PDB file of N, CA and C in Angstrom:
ATOM      1  N   MET A   1       4.387  -6.867  -9.017  1.00  0.00           N
ATOM      2  CA  MET A   1       5.118  -7.635  -8.034  1.00  0.00           C
ATOM      3  C   MET A   1       4.109  -8.350  -7.131  1.00  0.00           C
ATOM      4  N   ILE A   2       4.478  -9.529  -6.708  1.00  0.00           N
ATOM      5  CA  ILE A   2       3.650 -10.305  -5.799  1.00  0.00           C
ATOM      6  C   ILE A   2       4.574 -11.063  -4.856  1.00  0.00           C
ATOM      7  N   THR A   3       4.165 -11.184  -3.604  1.00  0.00           N
ATOM      8  CA  THR A   3       4.987 -11.923  -2.645  1.00  0.00           C
ATOM      9  C   THR A   3       4.687 -13.419  -2.764  1.00  0.00           C
ATOM     10  N   TYR A   4       5.614 -14.215  -2.268  1.00  0.00           N
ATOM     11  CA  TYR A   4       5.422 -15.662  -2.281  1.00  0.00           C
ATOM     12  C   TYR A   4       4.135 -16.035  -1.551  1.00  0.00           C
ATOM     13  N   SER A   5       3.895 -15.411  -0.396  1.00  0.00           N
ATOM     14  CA  SER A   5       2.695 -15.752   0.375  1.00  0.00           C
ATOM     15  C   SER A   5       1.418 -15.329  -0.334  1.00  0.00           C
ATOM     16  N   GLU A   6       1.442 -14.214  -1.068  1.00  0.00           N
ATOM     17  CA  GLU A   6       0.270 -13.804  -1.846  1.00  0.00           C
ATOM     18  C   GLU A   6       0.044 -14.759  -3.013  1.00  0.00           C
ATOM     19  N   LEU A   7       1.120 -15.146  -3.660  1.00  0.00           N
ATOM     20  CA  LEU A   7       1.013 -16.037  -4.816  1.00  0.00           C
ATOM     21  C   LEU A   7       0.366 -17.369  -4.450  1.00  0.00           C
ATOM     22  N   VAL A   8       0.813 -17.975  -3.355  1.00  0.00           N
ATOM     23  CA  VAL A   8       0.269 -19.293  -3.005  1.00  0.00           C
ATOM     24  C   VAL A   8      -1.215 -19.227  -2.669  1.00  0.00           C
ATOM     25  N   GLN A   9      -1.713 -18.070  -2.274  1.00  0.00           N
ATOM     26  CA  GLN A   9      -3.150 -17.926  -2.003  1.00  0.00           C
ATOM     27  C   GLN A   9      -3.970 -18.035  -3.289  1.00  0.00           C
ATOM     28  N   HIS A  10      -3.341 -17.783  -4.429  1.00  0.00           N
ATOM     29  CA  HIS A  10      -4.036 -17.835  -5.714  1.00  0.00           C
ATOM     30  C   HIS A  10      -3.935 -19.200  -6.390  1.00  0.00           C
ATOM     31  N   ILE A  11      -3.122 -20.086  -5.847  1.00  0.00           N
ATOM     32  CA  ILE A  11      -2.983 -21.430  -6.419  1.00  0.00           C
ATOM     33  C   ILE A  11      -4.086 -22.301  -5.850  1.00  0.00           C
ATOM     34  N   ARG A  12      -4.954 -22.775  -6.712  1.00  0.00           N
ATOM     35  CA  ARG A  12      -6.123 -23.529  -6.259  1.00  0.00           C
ATOM     36  C   ARG A  12      -6.013 -25.036  -6.518  1.00  0.00           C
ATOM     37  N   SER A  13      -5.177 -25.443  -7.452  1.00  0.00           N
ATOM     38  CA  SER A  13      -5.129 -26.858  -7.838  1.00  0.00           C
ATOM     39  C   SER A  13      -4.429 -27.733  -6.795  1.00  0.00           C
ATOM     40  N   ILE A  14      -3.559 -27.141  -5.982  1.00  0.00           N
ATOM     41  CA  ILE A  14      -2.890 -27.868  -4.907  1.00  0.00           C
ATOM     42  C   ILE A  14      -2.756 -26.943  -3.710  1.00  0.00           C
ATOM     43  N   THR A  15      -2.570 -27.533  -2.541  1.00  0.00           N
ATOM     44  CA  THR A  15      -2.286 -26.750  -1.348  1.00  0.00           C
ATOM     45  C   THR A  15      -0.777 -26.660  -1.231  1.00  0.00           C
ATOM     46  N   ILE A  16      -0.287 -25.438  -1.211  1.00  0.00           N
ATOM     47  CA  ILE A  16       1.157 -25.224  -1.197  1.00  0.00           C
ATOM     48  C   ILE A  16       1.441 -23.969  -0.387  1.00  0.00           C
ATOM     49  N   GLY A  17       2.515 -23.995   0.372  1.00  0.00           N
ATOM     50  CA  GLY A  17       2.877 -22.840   1.193  1.00  0.00           C
ATOM     51  C   GLY A  17       4.024 -22.055   0.585  1.00  0.00           C
ATOM     52  N   PRO A  18       4.266 -20.860   1.097  1.00  0.00           N
ATOM     53  CA  PRO A  18       5.315 -20.007   0.537  1.00  0.00           C
ATOM     54  C   PRO A  18       6.726 -20.557   0.723  1.00  0.00           C
ATOM     55  N   HIS A  19       6.922 -21.503   1.636  1.00  0.00           N
ATOM     56  CA  HIS A  19       8.245 -22.082   1.870  1.00  0.00           C
ATOM     57  C   HIS A  19       8.311 -23.544   1.415  1.00  0.00           C
ATOM     58  N   ASP A  20       7.309 -23.990   0.709  1.00  0.00           N
ATOM     59  CA  ASP A  20       7.236 -25.372   0.223  1.00  0.00           C
ATOM     60  C   ASP A  20       8.231 -25.567  -0.927  1.00  0.00           C
ATOM     61  N   PRO A  21       9.076 -26.592  -0.864  1.00  0.00           N
ATOM     62  CA  PRO A  21      10.030 -26.849  -1.948  1.00  0.00           C
ATOM     63  C   PRO A  21       9.354 -27.035  -3.315  1.00  0.00           C
ATOM     64  N   ARG A  22       8.104 -27.483  -3.308  1.00  0.00           N
ATOM     65  CA  ARG A  22       7.388 -27.643  -4.580  1.00  0.00           C
ATOM     66  C   ARG A  22       7.155 -26.293  -5.255  1.00  0.00           C
ATOM     67  N   LEU A  23       7.022 -25.228  -4.464  1.00  0.00           N
ATOM     68  CA  LEU A  23       6.857 -23.894  -5.027  1.00  0.00           C
ATOM     69  C   LEU A  23       8.132 -23.482  -5.762  1.00  0.00           C
ATOM     70  N   ASP A  24       9.276 -23.798  -5.178  1.00  0.00           N
ATOM     71  CA  ASP A  24      10.550 -23.508  -5.849  1.00  0.00           C
ATOM     72  C   ASP A  24      10.601 -24.191  -7.212  1.00  0.00           C
ATOM     73  N   HIS A  25      10.199 -25.441  -7.242  1.00  0.00           N
ATOM     74  CA  HIS A  25      10.207 -26.196  -8.491  1.00  0.00           C
ATOM     75  C   HIS A  25       9.232 -25.582  -9.506  1.00  0.00           C
ATOM     76  N   LEU A  26       8.039 -25.251  -9.062  1.00  0.00           N
ATOM     77  CA  LEU A  26       7.029 -24.661  -9.934  1.00  0.00           C
ATOM     78  C   LEU A  26       7.522 -23.332 -10.520  1.00  0.00           C
ATOM     79  N   LEU A  27       8.066 -22.475  -9.676  1.00  0.00           N
ATOM     80  CA  LEU A  27       8.566 -21.190 -10.152  1.00  0.00           C
ATOM     81  C   LEU A  27       9.748 -21.371 -11.103  1.00  0.00           C
ATOM     82  N   GLY A  28      10.587 -22.347 -10.808  1.00  0.00           N
ATOM     83  CA  GLY A  28      11.709 -22.633 -11.695  1.00  0.00           C
ATOM     84  C   GLY A  28      11.247 -23.077 -13.068  1.00  0.00           C
ATOM     85  N   GLU A  29      10.242 -23.913 -13.114  1.00  0.00           N
ATOM     86  CA  GLU A  29       9.692 -24.371 -14.393  1.00  0.00           C
ATOM     87  C   GLU A  29       9.095 -23.207 -15.182  1.00  0.00           C
ATOM     88  N   ILE A  30       8.368 -22.356 -14.492  1.00  0.00           N
ATOM     89  CA  ILE A  30       7.754 -21.198 -15.159  1.00  0.00           C
ATOM     90  C   ILE A  30       8.834 -20.303 -15.749  1.00  0.00           C
ATOM     91  N   SER A  31       9.849 -19.970 -14.940  1.00  0.00           N
ATOM     92  CA  SER A  31      10.904 -19.090 -15.436  1.00  0.00           C
ATOM     93  C   SER A  31      11.680 -19.737 -16.576  1.00  0.00           C
ATOM     94  N   SER A  32      11.965 -21.010 -16.473  1.00  0.00           N
ATOM     95  CA  SER A  32      12.694 -21.694 -17.546  1.00  0.00           C
ATOM     96  C   SER A  32      11.898 -21.684 -18.839  1.00  0.00           C
ATOM     97  N   ASP A  33      10.609 -22.002 -18.751  1.00  0.00           N
ATOM     98  CA  ASP A  33       9.757 -22.026 -19.946  1.00  0.00           C
ATOM     99  C   ASP A  33       9.616 -20.635 -20.563  1.00  0.00           C
ATOM    100  N   GLU A  34       9.397 -19.626 -19.731  1.00  0.00           N
ATOM    101  CA  GLU A  34       9.255 -18.266 -20.234  1.00  0.00           C
ATOM    102  C   GLU A  34      10.566 -17.772 -20.851  1.00  0.00           C
ATOM    103  N   ASN A  35      11.675 -18.124 -20.234  1.00  0.00           N
ATOM    104  CA  ASN A  35      12.976 -17.736 -20.768  1.00  0.00           C
ATOM    105  C   ASN A  35      13.213 -18.397 -22.124  1.00  0.00           C
ATOM    106  N   THR A  36      12.894 -19.673 -22.240  1.00  0.00           N
ATOM    107  CA  THR A  36      13.048 -20.392 -23.505  1.00  0.00           C
ATOM    108  C   THR A  36      12.193 -19.753 -24.591  1.00  0.00           C
ATOM    109  N   ALA A  37      11.024 -19.256 -24.217  1.00  0.00           N
ATOM    110  CA  ALA A  37      10.127 -18.603 -25.171  1.00  0.00           C
ATOM    111  C   ALA A  37      10.564 -17.172 -25.489  1.00  0.00           C
ATOM    112  N   GLY A  38      11.656 -16.716 -24.847  1.00  0.00           N
ATOM    113  CA  GLY A  38      12.175 -15.380 -25.127  1.00  0.00           C
ATOM    114  C   GLY A  38      11.527 -14.260 -24.343  1.00  0.00           C
ATOM    115  N   ARG A  39      10.795 -14.613 -23.284  1.00  0.00           N
ATOM    116  CA  ARG A  39      10.077 -13.590 -22.526  1.00  0.00           C
ATOM    117  C   ARG A  39      10.715 -13.267 -21.178  1.00  0.00           C
ATOM    118  N   GLY A  40      11.893 -13.780 -20.934  1.00  0.00           N
ATOM    119  CA  GLY A  40      12.574 -13.519 -19.669  1.00  0.00           C
ATOM    120  C   GLY A  40      12.058 -14.402 -18.548  1.00  0.00           C
ATOM    121  N   MET A  41      12.655 -14.230 -17.398  1.00  0.00           N
ATOM    122  CA  MET A  41      12.310 -15.030 -16.223  1.00  0.00           C
ATOM    123  C   MET A  41      11.121 -14.390 -15.503  1.00  0.00           C
ATOM    124  N   LEU A  42       9.935 -14.797 -15.869  1.00  0.00           N
ATOM    125  CA  LEU A  42       8.707 -14.184 -15.369  1.00  0.00           C
ATOM    126  C   LEU A  42       8.640 -14.152 -13.844  1.00  0.00           C
ATOM    127  N   THR A  43       9.192 -15.131 -13.193  1.00  0.00           N
ATOM    128  CA  THR A  43       9.081 -15.183 -11.736  1.00  0.00           C
ATOM    129  C   THR A  43       9.981 -14.170 -11.038  1.00  0.00           C
ATOM    130  N   VAL A  44      10.639 -13.313 -11.799  1.00  0.00           N
ATOM    131  CA  VAL A  44      11.355 -12.178 -11.216  1.00  0.00           C
ATOM    132  C   VAL A  44      10.370 -11.300 -10.441  1.00  0.00           C
ATOM    133  N   LEU A  45       9.091 -11.422 -10.749  1.00  0.00           N
ATOM    134  CA  LEU A  45       8.045 -10.614 -10.119  1.00  0.00           C
ATOM    135  C   LEU A  45       7.617 -11.153  -8.754  1.00  0.00           C
ATOM    136  N   VAL A  46       8.095 -12.344  -8.381  1.00  0.00           N
ATOM    137  CA  VAL A  46       7.727 -12.958  -7.100  1.00  0.00           C
ATOM    138  C   VAL A  46       8.838 -12.664  -6.096  1.00  0.00           C
ATOM    139  N   VAL A  47       8.469 -11.997  -4.994  1.00  0.00           N
ATOM    140  CA  VAL A  47       9.477 -11.478  -4.064  1.00  0.00           C
ATOM    141  C   VAL A  47       9.146 -11.809  -2.609  1.00  0.00           C
ATOM    142  N   HIS A  48      10.151 -11.614  -1.767  1.00  0.00           N
ATOM    143  CA  HIS A  48       9.955 -11.762  -0.316  1.00  0.00           C
ATOM    144  C   HIS A  48       8.981 -10.702   0.188  1.00  0.00           C
ATOM    145  N   LYS A  49       8.221 -11.067   1.187  1.00  0.00           N
ATOM    146  CA  LYS A  49       7.247 -10.152   1.777  1.00  0.00           C
ATOM    147  C   LYS A  49       7.920  -9.090   2.646  1.00  0.00           C
ATOM    148  N   ALA A  50       8.997  -9.445   3.270  1.00  0.00           N
ATOM    149  CA  ALA A  50       9.699  -8.519   4.165  1.00  0.00           C
ATOM    150  C   ALA A  50      11.194  -8.577   3.873  1.00  0.00           C
ATOM    151  N   GLY A  51      11.908  -7.680   4.467  1.00  0.00           N
ATOM    152  CA  GLY A  51      13.357  -7.669   4.272  1.00  0.00           C
ATOM    153  C   GLY A  51      13.729  -7.019   2.958  1.00  0.00           C
ATOM    154  N   ASP A  52      14.414  -7.769   2.099  1.00  0.00           N
ATOM    155  CA  ASP A  52      14.951  -7.188   0.862  1.00  0.00           C
ATOM    156  C   ASP A  52      13.913  -6.972  -0.238  1.00  0.00           C
ATOM    157  N   MET A  53      12.743  -7.594  -0.115  1.00  0.00           N
ATOM    158  CA  MET A  53      11.668  -7.455  -1.116  1.00  0.00           C
ATOM    159  C   MET A  53      12.141  -7.874  -2.513  1.00  0.00           C
ATOM    160  N   GLU A  54      13.036  -8.857  -2.572  1.00  0.00           N
ATOM    161  CA  GLU A  54      13.577  -9.380  -3.816  1.00  0.00           C
ATOM    162  C   GLU A  54      13.239 -10.869  -3.913  1.00  0.00           C
ATOM    163  N   PRO A  55      13.485 -11.460  -5.081  1.00  0.00           N
ATOM    164  CA  PRO A  55      13.299 -12.906  -5.212  1.00  0.00           C
ATOM    165  C   PRO A  55      14.242 -13.663  -4.271  1.00  0.00           C
ATOM    166  N   GLY A  56      13.930 -14.916  -4.053  1.00  0.00           N
ATOM    167  CA  GLY A  56      14.759 -15.751  -3.191  1.00  0.00           C
ATOM    168  C   GLY A  56      15.993 -16.302  -3.895  1.00  0.00           C
ATOM    169  N   ARG A  57      16.774 -17.056  -3.144  1.00  0.00           N
ATOM    170  CA  ARG A  57      18.031 -17.616  -3.656  1.00  0.00           C
ATOM    171  C   ARG A  57      17.830 -18.496  -4.874  1.00  0.00           C
ATOM    172  N   GLY A  58      16.722 -19.213  -4.914  1.00  0.00           N
ATOM    173  CA  GLY A  58      16.459 -20.101  -6.048  1.00  0.00           C
ATOM    174  C   GLY A  58      16.370 -19.338  -7.360  1.00  0.00           C
ATOM    175  N   PHE A  59      15.835 -18.124  -7.321  1.00  0.00           N
ATOM    176  CA  PHE A  59      15.744 -17.309  -8.523  1.00  0.00           C
ATOM    177  C   PHE A  59      17.137 -17.030  -9.068  1.00  0.00           C
ATOM    178  N   TYR A  60      18.045 -16.622  -8.192  1.00  0.00           N
ATOM    179  CA  TYR A  60      19.391 -16.269  -8.623  1.00  0.00           C
ATOM    180  C   TYR A  60      20.182 -17.496  -9.074  1.00  0.00           C
ATOM    181  N   LYS A  61      19.939 -18.626  -8.424  1.00  0.00           N
ATOM    182  CA  LYS A  61      20.595 -19.871  -8.840  1.00  0.00           C
ATOM    183  C   LYS A  61      20.154 -20.230 -10.264  1.00  0.00           C
ATOM    184  N   LEU A  62      18.864 -20.129 -10.536  1.00  0.00           N
ATOM    185  CA  LEU A  62      18.357 -20.411 -11.876  1.00  0.00           C
ATOM    186  C   LEU A  62      18.870 -19.380 -12.867  1.00  0.00           C
ATOM    187  N   ALA A  63      18.889 -18.111 -12.464  1.00  0.00           N
ATOM    188  CA  ALA A  63      19.386 -17.045 -13.340  1.00  0.00           C
ATOM    189  C   ALA A  63      20.815 -17.363 -13.785  1.00  0.00           C
ATOM    190  N   ARG A  64      21.646 -17.785 -12.852  1.00  0.00           N
ATOM    191  CA  ARG A  64      23.028 -18.144 -13.171  1.00  0.00           C
ATOM    192  C   ARG A  64      23.061 -19.302 -14.166  1.00  0.00           C
ATOM    193  N   SER A  65      22.205 -20.305 -13.937  1.00  0.00           N
ATOM    194  CA  SER A  65      22.201 -21.468 -14.840  1.00  0.00           C
ATOM    195  C   SER A  65      21.682 -21.122 -16.235  1.00  0.00           C
ATOM    196  N   LEU A  66      20.914 -20.038 -16.319  1.00  0.00           N
ATOM    197  CA  LEU A  66      20.402 -19.588 -17.618  1.00  0.00           C
ATOM    198  C   LEU A  66      21.326 -18.568 -18.288  1.00  0.00           C
ATOM    199  N   GLY A  67      22.489 -18.366 -17.685  1.00  0.00           N
ATOM    200  CA  GLY A  67      23.492 -17.504 -18.294  1.00  0.00           C
ATOM    201  C   GLY A  67      23.454 -16.052 -17.878  1.00  0.00           C
ATOM    202  N   ARG A  68      22.644 -15.717 -16.884  1.00  0.00           N
ATOM    203  CA  ARG A  68      22.604 -14.336 -16.409  1.00  0.00           C
ATOM    204  C   ARG A  68      23.830 -14.059 -15.548  1.00  0.00           C
ATOM    205  N   ASP A  69      24.281 -12.826 -15.545  1.00  0.00           N
ATOM    206  CA  ASP A  69      25.391 -12.405 -14.705  1.00  0.00           C
ATOM    207  C   ASP A  69      24.849 -12.152 -13.306  1.00  0.00           C
ATOM    208  N   THR A  70      25.248 -12.970 -12.348  1.00  0.00           N
ATOM    209  CA  THR A  70      24.759 -12.832 -10.973  1.00  0.00           C
ATOM    210  C   THR A  70      25.848 -12.308 -10.037  1.00  0.00           C
ATOM    211  N   SER A  71      26.888 -11.697 -10.593  1.00  0.00           N
ATOM    212  CA  SER A  71      27.952 -11.157  -9.743  1.00  0.00           C
ATOM    213  C   SER A  71      27.442 -10.003  -8.884  1.00  0.00           C
ATOM    214  N   ASP A  72      26.419  -9.304  -9.350  1.00  0.00           N
ATOM    215  CA  ASP A  72      25.744  -8.244  -8.589  1.00  0.00           C
ATOM    216  C   ASP A  72      24.264  -8.617  -8.595  1.00  0.00           C
ATOM    217  N   LEU A  73      23.797  -9.187  -7.489  1.00  0.00           N
ATOM    218  CA  LEU A  73      22.431  -9.718  -7.444  1.00  0.00           C
ATOM    219  C   LEU A  73      21.374  -8.652  -7.683  1.00  0.00           C
ATOM    220  N   LYS A  74      21.558  -7.479  -7.106  1.00  0.00           N
ATOM    221  CA  LYS A  74      20.580  -6.402  -7.286  1.00  0.00           C
ATOM    222  C   LYS A  74      20.492  -6.019  -8.768  1.00  0.00           C
ATOM    223  N   LYS A  75      21.634  -5.892  -9.438  1.00  0.00           N
ATOM    224  CA  LYS A  75      21.649  -5.554 -10.862  1.00  0.00           C
ATOM    225  C   LYS A  75      21.000  -6.666 -11.684  1.00  0.00           C
ATOM    226  N   CYS A  76      21.291  -7.896 -11.349  1.00  0.00           N
ATOM    227  CA  CYS A  76      20.673  -9.039 -12.038  1.00  0.00           C
ATOM    228  C   CYS A  76      19.157  -8.947 -11.933  1.00  0.00           C
ATOM    229  N   TRP A  77      18.663  -8.678 -10.738  1.00  0.00           N
ATOM    230  CA  TRP A  77      17.229  -8.592 -10.493  1.00  0.00           C
ATOM    231  C   TRP A  77      16.608  -7.446 -11.290  1.00  0.00           C
ATOM    232  N   VAL A  78      17.205  -6.270 -11.203  1.00  0.00           N
ATOM    233  CA  VAL A  78      16.667  -5.097 -11.904  1.00  0.00           C
ATOM    234  C   VAL A  78      16.717  -5.305 -13.419  1.00  0.00           C
ATOM    235  N   ASP A  79      17.809  -5.844 -13.930  1.00  0.00           N
ATOM    236  CA  ASP A  79      17.913  -6.117 -15.371  1.00  0.00           C
ATOM    237  C   ASP A  79      16.824  -7.085 -15.831  1.00  0.00           C
ATOM    238  N   GLU A  80      16.574  -8.105 -15.027  1.00  0.00           N
ATOM    239  CA  GLU A  80      15.545  -9.088 -15.406  1.00  0.00           C
ATOM    240  C   GLU A  80      14.153  -8.475 -15.304  1.00  0.00           C
ATOM    241  N   LEU A  81      13.928  -7.632 -14.301  1.00  0.00           N
ATOM    242  CA  LEU A  81      12.652  -6.916 -14.205  1.00  0.00           C
ATOM    243  C   LEU A  81      12.408  -6.093 -15.467  1.00  0.00           C
ATOM    244  N   HIS A  82      13.418  -5.375 -15.901  1.00  0.00           N
ATOM    245  CA  HIS A  82      13.288  -4.565 -17.116  1.00  0.00           C
ATOM    246  C   HIS A  82      13.004  -5.440 -18.332  1.00  0.00           C
ATOM    247  N   ARG A  83      13.689  -6.579 -18.426  1.00  0.00           N
ATOM    248  CA  ARG A  83      13.486  -7.489 -19.551  1.00  0.00           C
ATOM    249  C   ARG A  83      12.041  -7.987 -19.592  1.00  0.00           C
ATOM    250  N   VAL A  84      11.534  -8.405 -18.444  1.00  0.00           N
ATOM    251  CA  VAL A  84      10.168  -8.942 -18.371  1.00  0.00           C
ATOM    252  C   VAL A  84       9.142  -7.841 -18.631  1.00  0.00           C
ATOM    253  N   HIS A  85       9.334  -6.675 -18.049  1.00  0.00           N
ATOM    254  CA  HIS A  85       8.389  -5.566 -18.270  1.00  0.00           C
ATOM    255  C   HIS A  85       8.364  -5.166 -19.744  1.00  0.00           C
ATOM    256  N   LYS A  86       9.532  -5.087 -20.361  1.00  0.00           N
ATOM    257  CA  LYS A  86       9.613  -4.726 -21.781  1.00  0.00           C
ATOM    258  C   LYS A  86       8.878  -5.768 -22.631  1.00  0.00           C
ATOM    259  N   GLU A  87       9.063  -7.022 -22.334  1.00  0.00           N
ATOM    260  CA  GLU A  87       8.424  -8.098 -23.095  1.00  0.00           C
ATOM    261  C   GLU A  87       6.912  -8.075 -22.898  1.00  0.00           C
ATOM    262  N   GLN A  88       6.471  -7.856 -21.662  1.00  0.00           N
ATOM    263  CA  GLN A  88       5.028  -7.800 -21.381  1.00  0.00           C
ATOM    264  C   GLN A  88       4.389  -6.600 -22.071  1.00  0.00           C
ATOM    265  N   ALA A  89       5.084  -5.465 -22.099  1.00  0.00           N
ATOM    266  CA  ALA A  89       4.565  -4.276 -22.762  1.00  0.00           C
ATOM    267  C   ALA A  89       4.452  -4.512 -24.276  1.00  0.00           C
ATOM    268  N   ALA A  90       5.445  -5.175 -24.847  1.00  0.00           N
ATOM    269  CA  ALA A  90       5.416  -5.490 -26.274  1.00  0.00           C
ATOM    270  C   ALA A  90       4.263  -6.432 -26.595  1.00  0.00           C
ATOM    271  N   GLN A  91       4.037  -7.417 -25.729  1.00  0.00           N
ATOM    272  CA  GLN A  91       2.941  -8.361 -25.954  1.00  0.00           C
ATOM    273  C   GLN A  91       1.597  -7.658 -25.831  1.00  0.00           C
ATOM    274  N   SER A  92       1.482  -6.737 -24.878  1.00  0.00           N
ATOM    275  CA  SER A  92       0.235  -6.011 -24.672  1.00  0.00           C
ATOM    276  C   SER A  92      -0.096  -5.130 -25.873  1.00  0.00           C
ATOM    277  N   SER A  93       0.921  -4.558 -26.492  1.00  0.00           N
ATOM    278  CA  SER A  93       0.681  -3.690 -27.639  1.00  0.00           C
ATOM    279  C   SER A  93       0.347  -4.489 -28.896  1.00  0.00           C
ATOM    280  N   ASN A  94       0.647  -5.779 -28.891  1.00  0.00           N
ATOM    281  CA  ASN A  94       0.331  -6.654 -30.027  1.00  0.00           C
ATOM    282  C   ASN A  94      -1.070  -7.248 -29.942  1.00  0.00           C
ATOM    283  N   VAL A  95      -1.739  -7.047 -28.832  1.00  0.00           N
ATOM    284  CA  VAL A  95      -3.073  -7.629 -28.634  1.00  0.00           C
ATOM    285  C   VAL A  95      -4.131  -6.824 -29.306  1.00  0.00           C
TER     286      VAL A  95
END
């Protein structure tokens, strides 16, 4: 897991903040591409620094558009975490 503010510190090609709309777009592209490749929504790992410690609203909006059940946001998040972890573990064992 990584917070939005931690993530932007690792982005070197552009200057971007944790609340920058461009970050939403970037994370959306990553999740869409990873989902299309069958690896789940990778950006499920990017979360708020305080409060609920979950992804932001944009994650759930994209999840809904990708066909995920968002009627229970916590369940959606946990299910996607499991999907991504399972896929990453499978990829690691294939290396």
